[in-house]
Amino acid sequence: MVLQESGEMYLETILVLSENGASVRSIDVAEHMNYSKPSVSRAMGLLRQGGYIVMDKSGYITLTESGKQVAETIYERHVILSEFLKKIGVDPVTATNDACKIEHAISAESFTALKDFLKDLA
């Protein structure tokens, strides 16, 4: 199953919520993303079918190894792109919003080159 941008966003949200120490349920994802419960429920079903998440009988969501890998990749892109945009003078809110769009479209090659470039500046 090839993930679309929305699937990546759901996985990233689950990662962020779970790193805050909380158990994650579909309702938490819906509230965090400001999406409807039915939309999130459908997405969770697709992510479960794709092997990206598991859900226990109480509805708590855990990322599988492949789900965690995708989520961490997207989250790293988000953080680095946001910081880069802020460093070049973009307003923090705009930088965060733009990073959210770019993180799903940027190639691995371009992202690696950007990361290397930023390391060289440090």
Protein backbone atom coordinates (compact mmCIF):
# COMPACT_ATOMS: atom_id res chain seq x y z
CA MET A 1 0.00 0.00 0.00
CA VAL A 2 1.46 3.33 -1.08
CA LEU A 3 0.67 6.05 1.42
CA GLN A 4 -0.81 9.30 0.29
CA GLU A 5 -0.12 12.62 1.99
CA SER A 6 -3.13 12.23 4.28
CA GLY A 7 -1.91 8.84 5.52
CA GLU A 8 1.49 10.33 6.27
CA MET A 9 -0.18 13.14 8.18
CA TYR A 10 -2.18 10.70 10.29
CA LEU A 11 0.93 8.68 11.12
CA GLU A 12 2.85 11.83 12.02
CA THR A 13 0.00 12.93 14.30
CA ILE A 14 -0.10 9.55 16.04
CA LEU A 15 3.67 9.77 16.59
CA VAL A 16 3.48 13.30 18.02
CA LEU A 17 0.57 12.45 20.32
CA SER A 18 2.21 9.25 21.55
CA GLU A 19 5.52 11.00 22.23
CA ASN A 20 3.69 13.28 24.63
CA GLY A 21 3.24 10.18 26.78
CA ALA A 22 -0.44 9.71 26.15
CA SER A 23 -2.22 6.69 24.79
CA VAL A 24 -3.68 7.56 21.41
CA ARG A 25 -7.22 6.86 20.23
CA SER A 26 -9.01 7.88 17.04
CA ILE A 27 -10.83 10.64 18.93
CA ASP A 28 -7.48 12.14 19.96
CA VAL A 29 -6.33 12.16 16.34
CA ALA A 30 -9.62 13.73 15.22
CA GLU A 31 -9.39 16.48 17.82
CA HIS A 32 -5.70 17.19 17.13
CA MET A 33 -6.18 17.38 13.36
CA ASN A 34 -9.64 19.00 13.57
CA TYR A 35 -11.09 16.24 11.38
CA SER A 36 -14.42 14.46 11.72
CA LYS A 37 -14.54 11.20 13.66
CA PRO A 38 -15.85 9.24 10.64
CA SER A 39 -12.99 10.49 8.45
CA VAL A 40 -10.42 9.50 11.05
CA SER A 41 -12.11 6.13 11.62
CA ARG A 42 -11.94 5.36 7.89
CA ALA A 43 -8.29 6.42 7.73
CA MET A 44 -7.40 4.29 10.74
CA GLY A 45 -8.99 1.30 9.02
CA LEU A 46 -6.87 1.88 5.92
CA LEU A 47 -3.71 2.35 7.98
CA ARG A 48 -4.48 -0.84 9.89
CA GLN A 49 -5.03 -2.75 6.61
CA GLY A 50 -1.75 -1.35 5.29
CA GLY A 51 0.11 -2.61 8.35
CA TYR A 52 1.04 0.86 9.63
CA ILE A 53 -0.91 0.73 12.90
CA VAL A 54 -2.46 -1.75 15.28
CA MET A 55 -5.49 -1.00 17.40
CA ASP A 56 -6.33 -2.88 20.57
CA LYS A 57 -9.81 -3.85 21.75
CA SER A 58 -10.12 -0.58 23.70
CA GLY A 59 -9.34 1.47 20.59
CA TYR A 60 -5.79 2.47 21.50
CA ILE A 61 -3.53 2.95 18.50
CA THR A 62 0.10 1.90 18.24
CA LEU A 63 2.38 2.44 15.28
CA THR A 64 3.89 -0.68 13.77
CA GLU A 65 7.58 -0.62 12.88
CA SER A 66 6.79 0.44 9.30
CA GLY A 67 4.28 3.04 10.53
CA LYS A 68 6.80 4.45 12.97
CA GLN A 69 9.44 4.63 10.26
CA VAL A 70 7.15 6.64 7.96
CA ALA A 71 6.00 8.89 10.82
CA GLU A 72 9.55 9.62 11.98
CA THR A 73 10.66 10.42 8.43
CA ILE A 74 7.80 12.87 7.92
CA TYR A 75 8.26 14.42 11.35
CA GLU A 76 12.01 14.92 10.80
CA ARG A 77 11.25 16.62 7.49
CA HIS A 78 8.68 18.84 9.19
CA VAL A 79 11.04 19.93 11.96
CA ILE A 80 14.02 20.61 9.69
CA LEU A 81 11.99 22.39 7.01
CA SER A 82 10.22 24.54 9.62
CA GLU A 83 13.51 25.54 11.22
CA PHE A 84 15.11 26.27 7.86
CA LEU A 85 12.23 28.50 6.77
CA LYS A 86 12.30 30.38 10.08
CA LYS A 87 16.07 30.88 9.80
CA ILE A 88 15.69 32.50 6.39
CA GLY A 89 13.11 34.94 7.75
CA VAL A 90 9.75 33.28 7.24
CA ASP A 91 7.16 34.00 9.93
CA PRO A 92 6.96 30.99 12.33
CA VAL A 93 3.30 30.25 11.59
CA THR A 94 3.84 30.43 7.84
CA ALA A 95 7.03 28.37 8.14
CA THR A 96 5.17 25.62 10.00
CA ASN A 97 2.29 25.62 7.52
CA ASP A 98 4.59 25.60 4.50
CA ALA A 99 6.78 22.87 5.99
CA CYS A 100 3.66 20.74 6.41
CA LYS A 101 3.02 21.02 2.68
CA ILE A 102 6.62 20.56 1.55
CA GLU A 103 7.40 17.59 3.82
CA HIS A 104 5.17 15.31 1.73
CA ALA A 105 6.44 16.41 -1.66
CA ILE A 106 10.19 16.79 -1.23
CA SER A 107 12.31 13.94 -2.60
CA ALA A 108 14.65 12.00 -0.36
CA GLU A 109 17.56 13.30 -2.44
CA SER A 110 16.60 16.95 -2.03
CA PHE A 111 15.88 16.54 1.67
CA THR A 112 19.24 14.86 2.29
CA ALA A 113 21.00 17.64 0.38
CA LEU A 114 19.16 20.27 2.46
CA LYS A 115 20.07 18.50 5.69
CA ASP A 116 23.73 18.29 4.63
CA PHE A 117 23.71 21.96 3.64
CA LEU A 118 22.30 22.97 7.02
CA LYS A 119 24.90 20.82 8.84
CA ASP A 120 27.67 22.58 6.91
CA LEU A 121 26.29 25.97 8.05
CA ALA A 122 26.37 24.99 11.71
